Protein backbone atom coordinates (compact mmCIF):
# COMPACT_ATOMS: atom_id res chain seq x y z
CA MET A 1 -74.69 -13.71 1.02
CA ARG A 2 -71.90 -11.23 1.73
CA LEU A 3 -72.02 -9.92 5.31
CA LEU A 4 -70.06 -7.19 7.08
CA VAL A 5 -70.05 -7.53 10.88
CA THR A 6 -68.73 -4.80 13.19
CA GLY A 7 -67.45 -5.47 16.71
CA ALA A 8 -66.22 -8.78 15.36
CA SER A 9 -64.20 -9.79 18.43
CA GLY A 10 -66.84 -8.71 20.93
CA LEU A 11 -69.27 -10.68 23.07
CA LEU A 12 -71.95 -10.55 20.38
CA GLY A 13 -70.01 -9.99 17.16
CA HIS A 14 -67.98 -13.19 17.32
CA LYS A 15 -71.17 -15.22 17.77
CA VAL A 16 -72.83 -13.49 14.81
CA ILE A 17 -69.85 -14.39 12.63
CA GLN A 18 -69.85 -17.98 13.89
CA PHE A 19 -73.48 -18.53 12.86
CA ALA A 20 -73.17 -16.58 9.62
CA LEU A 21 -70.27 -18.79 8.56
CA ALA A 22 -72.27 -21.87 9.57
CA ASP A 23 -74.94 -20.67 7.13
CA HIS A 24 -72.22 -20.49 4.43
CA HIS A 25 -72.16 -16.69 4.15
CA GLU A 26 -69.06 -14.71 3.21
CA VAL A 27 -68.20 -12.68 6.31
CA HIS A 28 -65.99 -9.59 6.63
CA SER A 29 -65.09 -9.05 10.29
CA ILE A 30 -64.58 -5.42 11.30
CA TYR A 31 -62.49 -4.69 14.38
CA ARG A 32 -60.65 -1.80 16.05
CA GLU A 33 -58.21 -3.41 18.52
CA HIS A 34 -58.62 -7.18 18.98
CA LYS A 35 -58.24 -9.14 15.75
CA PRO A 36 -61.10 -11.64 15.38
CA ILE A 37 -60.39 -15.31 14.82
CA LEU A 38 -63.25 -15.86 12.35
CA GLY A 39 -64.14 -14.35 8.99
CA ASN A 40 -62.04 -11.97 6.91
CA PRO A 41 -60.59 -9.51 9.47
CA ILE A 42 -60.52 -5.82 8.54
CA LYS A 43 -59.18 -3.17 10.92
CA LEU A 44 -61.32 -0.05 10.66
CA ASP A 45 -62.16 3.09 12.63
CA LEU A 46 -65.93 3.31 12.24
CA ALA A 47 -65.90 6.98 13.25
CA ASP A 48 -63.80 7.78 10.14
CA HIS A 49 -66.42 8.55 7.51
CA ASP A 50 -64.14 8.28 4.49
CA SER A 51 -62.61 4.97 5.58
CA VAL A 52 -66.02 3.45 6.26
CA SER A 53 -67.35 4.63 2.91
CA LYS A 54 -64.36 3.27 0.99
CA THR A 55 -64.40 -0.08 2.82
CA ILE A 56 -68.08 -0.73 2.24
CA SER A 57 -67.88 0.41 -1.38
CA ALA A 58 -65.03 -2.05 -1.94
CA ILE A 59 -66.73 -5.00 -0.20
CA GLU A 60 -70.26 -4.37 -1.51
CA PRO A 61 -71.98 -6.32 1.27
CA ASP A 62 -75.56 -7.51 1.03
CA ALA A 63 -76.04 -6.68 4.69
CA ILE A 64 -74.26 -5.04 7.63
CA ILE A 65 -74.74 -6.24 11.21
CA HIS A 66 -73.54 -3.45 13.47
CA THR A 67 -72.73 -4.82 16.95
CA ALA A 68 -69.81 -2.52 17.85
CA ALA A 69 -70.54 -0.16 20.75
CA TYR A 70 -69.14 1.58 23.79
CA THR A 71 -71.27 -0.10 26.47
CA ASP A 72 -69.63 1.11 29.70
CA VAL A 73 -72.56 3.15 31.06
CA ASP A 74 -70.50 5.14 33.56
CA GLY A 75 -67.66 5.42 31.05
CA CYS A 76 -70.02 7.01 28.54
CA GLU A 77 -71.05 9.56 31.16
CA ILE A 78 -67.41 10.53 31.69
CA ASN A 79 -66.02 10.10 28.16
CA ARG A 80 -68.85 11.71 26.23
CA GLU A 81 -66.83 12.47 23.12
CA MET A 82 -65.80 8.82 22.79
CA ALA A 83 -69.35 7.64 23.46
CA TRP A 84 -70.68 9.91 20.72
CA ARG A 85 -68.04 8.80 18.21
CA VAL A 86 -68.48 5.07 18.84
CA ASN A 87 -72.24 4.83 19.40
CA ALA A 88 -73.69 7.64 17.29
CA GLU A 89 -71.19 8.90 14.71
CA ALA A 90 -70.05 5.41 13.71
CA THR A 91 -73.66 4.35 13.18
CA ARG A 92 -74.31 7.41 11.03
CA ASN A 93 -71.29 6.56 8.87
CA LEU A 94 -72.45 2.98 8.43
CA ALA A 95 -76.00 4.08 7.64
CA LEU A 96 -74.78 6.50 4.97
CA ALA A 97 -72.47 3.89 3.47
CA SER A 98 -75.20 1.23 3.53
CA SER A 99 -77.51 3.55 1.63
CA LYS A 100 -74.87 4.19 -1.02
CA ALA A 101 -74.24 0.44 -1.33
CA SER A 102 -77.98 -0.37 -1.25
CA CYS A 103 -77.51 -2.93 1.50
CA HIS A 104 -79.47 -3.81 4.63
CA LEU A 105 -78.30 -2.40 8.00
CA ALA A 106 -79.09 -4.19 11.27
CA TYR A 107 -78.18 -1.95 14.19
CA VAL A 108 -77.92 -3.40 17.70
CA SER A 109 -79.31 -0.83 20.12
CA THR A 110 -80.24 -1.28 23.81
CA ASP A 111 -83.05 -1.34 26.36
CA TYR A 112 -81.36 1.69 27.93
CA VAL A 113 -83.09 3.94 25.41
CA PHE A 114 -86.03 3.74 27.86
CA ASP A 115 -86.28 5.50 31.23
CA GLY A 116 -87.33 2.38 33.15
CA ASP A 117 -90.45 3.84 34.75
CA LYS A 118 -92.72 1.21 33.18
CA GLY A 119 -91.02 -1.97 32.01
CA LEU A 120 -91.98 -4.52 29.36
CA TYR A 121 -91.63 -1.85 26.70
CA SER A 122 -93.01 -2.51 23.23
CA GLU A 123 -91.43 -1.31 20.01
CA GLU A 124 -94.11 1.37 19.62
CA GLU A 125 -93.37 3.13 22.93
CA LYS A 126 -91.39 6.35 22.90
CA PRO A 127 -87.77 6.12 24.13
CA ASN A 128 -86.61 8.45 26.89
CA PRO A 129 -83.00 7.68 27.89
CA ILE A 130 -81.75 8.82 31.30
CA SER A 131 -78.02 8.24 30.67
CA TYR A 132 -75.62 9.52 28.04
CA TYR A 133 -75.03 5.91 26.96
CA GLY A 134 -78.75 5.52 26.26
CA TYR A 135 -78.83 8.89 24.50
CA THR A 136 -75.98 8.01 22.13
CA LYS A 137 -77.53 4.64 21.31
CA LEU A 138 -80.85 6.34 20.59
CA LYS A 139 -79.10 8.81 18.30
CA GLY A 140 -77.65 5.78 16.52
CA GLU A 141 -81.22 4.59 16.00
CA ASP A 142 -82.17 8.01 14.61
CA PHE A 143 -79.23 8.02 12.21
CA ALA A 144 -80.08 4.50 10.98
CA LYS A 145 -83.66 5.57 10.26
CA GLU A 146 -82.58 8.82 8.65
CA HIS A 147 -79.81 7.61 6.38
CA ALA A 148 -80.18 3.86 5.68
CA LYS A 149 -82.57 2.72 2.96
CA GLN A 150 -83.19 -0.66 4.60
CA TRP A 151 -82.72 -0.77 8.37
CA CYS A 152 -83.61 -2.89 11.36
CA ILE A 153 -83.09 -1.68 14.90
CA ALA A 154 -82.63 -4.66 17.23
CA ARG A 155 -82.91 -3.93 20.96
CA PRO A 156 -81.53 -6.51 23.41
CA SER A 157 -81.12 -6.24 27.20
CA VAL A 158 -78.11 -7.23 29.35
CA ILE A 159 -76.26 -9.39 26.83
CA TYR A 160 -74.38 -12.26 28.48
CA GLY A 161 -72.55 -15.43 27.48
CA TRP A 162 -69.11 -16.72 26.58
CA SER A 163 -66.71 -14.43 24.76
CA GLN A 164 -63.41 -14.84 22.91
CA THR A 165 -61.93 -12.01 25.02
CA ILE A 166 -61.21 -11.88 28.76
CA LYS A 167 -63.70 -9.07 29.40
CA LEU A 168 -66.37 -10.20 31.85
CA ASN A 169 -70.11 -9.69 31.40
CA PHE A 170 -72.76 -9.92 34.12
CA ALA A 171 -73.12 -13.71 33.93
CA THR A 172 -69.41 -14.53 33.72
CA TRP A 173 -68.69 -12.05 36.54
CA LEU A 174 -71.17 -13.94 38.70
CA LEU A 175 -69.70 -17.31 37.73
CA SER A 176 -66.17 -16.13 38.42
CA ASN A 177 -67.01 -15.00 41.93
CA LEU A 178 -69.40 -17.77 42.93
CA SER A 179 -67.05 -20.51 41.73
CA ARG A 180 -64.41 -19.08 44.10
CA ASN A 181 -66.89 -18.89 46.99
CA LYS A 182 -66.93 -15.10 46.97
CA GLU A 183 -70.04 -13.19 47.98
CA VAL A 184 -71.70 -10.96 45.38
CA LYS A 185 -74.18 -8.15 45.88
CA VAL A 186 -76.88 -8.15 43.23
CA LEU A 187 -79.76 -5.74 42.70
CA VAL A 188 -83.27 -6.77 43.64
CA ASP A 189 -84.88 -3.56 42.33
CA GLN A 190 -83.58 -3.45 38.76
CA HIS A 191 -85.52 -5.54 36.23
CA VAL A 192 -84.23 -6.51 32.79
CA SER A 193 -84.66 -9.09 30.01
CA PRO A 194 -81.30 -10.92 30.02
CA THR A 195 -80.21 -11.91 26.52
CA LEU A 196 -77.89 -14.82 25.73
CA ASN A 197 -75.41 -13.81 23.01
CA THR A 198 -75.98 -17.10 21.17
CA ASN A 199 -79.74 -16.50 20.93
CA LEU A 200 -79.31 -12.87 19.89
CA ALA A 201 -76.69 -13.71 17.26
CA LYS A 202 -79.02 -16.22 15.59
CA MET A 203 -81.80 -13.64 15.54
CA LEU A 204 -79.51 -11.04 13.95
CA VAL A 205 -78.31 -13.39 11.22
CA GLU A 206 -81.93 -14.24 10.42
CA ILE A 207 -82.84 -10.53 10.31
CA ALA A 208 -80.04 -9.93 7.79
CA GLU A 209 -80.90 -13.00 5.71
CA ARG A 210 -84.57 -12.01 5.48
CA ASN A 211 -83.97 -8.26 5.10
CA ILE A 212 -86.35 -7.56 7.97
CA VAL A 213 -87.10 -3.84 8.32
CA GLY A 214 -88.27 -1.91 11.39
CA THR A 215 -87.67 -1.93 15.13
CA LEU A 216 -87.58 -5.28 16.89
CA HIS A 217 -87.06 -6.18 20.53
CA THR A 218 -84.61 -9.08 20.44
CA ALA A 219 -84.09 -9.69 24.16
CA GLY A 220 -84.59 -12.77 26.29
CA ALA A 221 -88.19 -13.85 26.83
CA ASN A 222 -88.34 -13.26 30.60
CA ARG A 223 -88.49 -10.14 32.80
CA VAL A 224 -86.44 -10.76 35.95
CA SER A 225 -84.54 -8.78 38.55
CA ARG A 226 -80.78 -9.05 38.38
CA HIS A 227 -80.95 -10.84 41.73
CA GLU A 228 -83.36 -13.46 40.38
CA PHE A 229 -81.14 -13.92 37.33
CA ALA A 230 -78.15 -14.56 39.61
CA LEU A 231 -80.08 -17.12 41.66
CA ARG A 232 -81.23 -19.00 38.57
CA LEU A 233 -77.75 -18.96 37.07
CA ALA A 234 -76.29 -20.36 40.30
CA GLU A 235 -78.91 -23.11 40.28
CA ILE A 236 -78.14 -24.16 36.70
CA PHE A 237 -74.36 -24.14 37.32
CA ASN A 238 -74.69 -25.86 40.74
CA LEU A 239 -73.12 -22.98 42.65
CA ASN A 240 -73.87 -21.68 46.15
CA ARG A 241 -76.93 -19.41 46.06
CA ILE A 242 -76.28 -18.28 49.65
CA LEU A 243 -73.34 -16.24 48.36
CA ILE A 244 -75.75 -14.01 46.40
CA LYS A 245 -76.69 -11.08 48.63
CA PRO A 246 -79.56 -8.71 47.76
CA SER A 247 -78.77 -5.03 47.28
CA LYS A 248 -80.62 -1.96 46.02
CA THR A 249 -79.85 0.71 43.45
CA GLY A 250 -79.61 3.37 46.16
CA GLU A 251 -76.46 1.64 47.46
CA MET A 252 -74.66 1.91 44.11
CA MET A 253 -72.00 4.59 43.58
CA TRP A 254 -72.82 5.13 39.91
CA ARG A 255 -71.94 8.14 37.77
CA ALA A 256 -74.84 7.51 35.39
CA LYS A 257 -78.50 6.80 36.11
CA ARG A 258 -79.83 3.36 35.25
CA PRO A 259 -83.45 2.52 34.37
CA LYS A 260 -85.10 0.52 37.16
CA ASP A 261 -87.18 -1.58 34.77
CA SER A 262 -85.96 -1.67 31.19
CA SER A 263 -87.43 -5.10 30.43
CA LEU A 264 -88.70 -5.53 26.88
CA ASN A 265 -91.83 -7.00 25.35
CA VAL A 266 -90.58 -9.53 22.77
CA SER A 267 -93.93 -10.75 21.43
CA LYS A 268 -93.29 -9.19 18.00
CA ALA A 269 -89.96 -11.02 17.59
CA SER A 270 -91.52 -14.23 18.90
CA GLU A 271 -94.17 -14.08 16.17
CA LEU A 272 -91.92 -12.90 13.34
CA LEU A 273 -88.68 -14.83 13.75
CA ASN A 274 -87.88 -18.51 13.40
CA ASN A 275 -85.06 -18.03 15.94
CA LYS A 276 -87.25 -16.81 18.76
CA PRO A 277 -86.31 -15.08 22.04
CA MET A 278 -85.47 -17.87 24.47
CA GLU A 279 -86.83 -18.48 27.95
CA LEU A 280 -84.28 -17.79 30.68
CA LYS A 281 -84.02 -21.40 31.86
CA SER A 282 -83.30 -22.65 28.34
CA SER A 283 -80.76 -19.87 27.78
CA LEU A 284 -78.87 -20.67 30.98
CA GLN A 285 -78.89 -24.37 30.15
CA MET A 286 -77.47 -23.55 26.72
CA MET A 287 -74.76 -21.39 28.31
CA LYS A 288 -73.84 -24.29 30.58
CA ARG A 289 -73.58 -26.65 27.61
CA GLU A 290 -71.35 -24.12 25.87
CA ALA A 291 -69.07 -24.02 28.94
CA SER A 292 -67.38 -27.29 28.02
CA GLY A 293 -63.69 -26.92 28.83
CA VAL A 294 -64.11 -23.59 30.64
CA ASN A 295 -62.52 -23.35 34.08
CA LEU A 296 -64.85 -20.99 35.95
CA GLN A 297 -62.23 -20.17 38.57
CA ASN A 298 -59.89 -18.87 35.87
CA LEU A 299 -62.36 -16.22 34.70
CA GLN A 300 -61.02 -12.74 35.41
């Protein structure tokens, strides 16, 4: 199978490529700034319609896994033009090109398409984003549905894990601070479905291999507060839980609103996929096993 993966050097993209190569697929790794270490690297501006069209026409992929995104929620609120180009316009270009090439498009969206008033959202519930980040990701969903012939919208929540870049995610930020005996303030009133990048990457490769069509919640299997996640991570990594201090969303100096409960119902993915959404304990144990050779105190 010939795969094209965007965001190839990112937290999720590099894992997708790793597992796709393990399954003996031909992988073309799309990047903008940081050259990936796996696959056939191709530098490409996804917001450039003509370049995207020409690249996909030349490669003729069987499937595209679109992981590239501008995920800084406050940054999207401030830099709206960039957020639109990266999250919405790029997805439209890929959807149009995928239709022309008659290939499957798997688009990685987000739990932030929901307002957070309910929690444990199913795929059938109507999105209602409360931030510009969520809005641009939802428009990406709309463009995938409108322009791609075969599409799958995969919604994760709070992706975490080891990355090939130095950029921290929620879990590695916690590990960096706790390993240096630094206190961290973590929200007790925001609930999510934390998603290990390894688990999500395996689900995405399976979706592409099986040409699965429709919307699918591909998050972790458990709804937890960020505070509970931090406590359980500290327990698995044998770090001091006392350093984790509870805080509330009202104390945050955010530019953008965040949903208070954007947790996702993953029963559909659990029934459909062979690589199922993992329980939090198993995910954290896997992350610890993957930490071989990592010096937690050197995380920045």
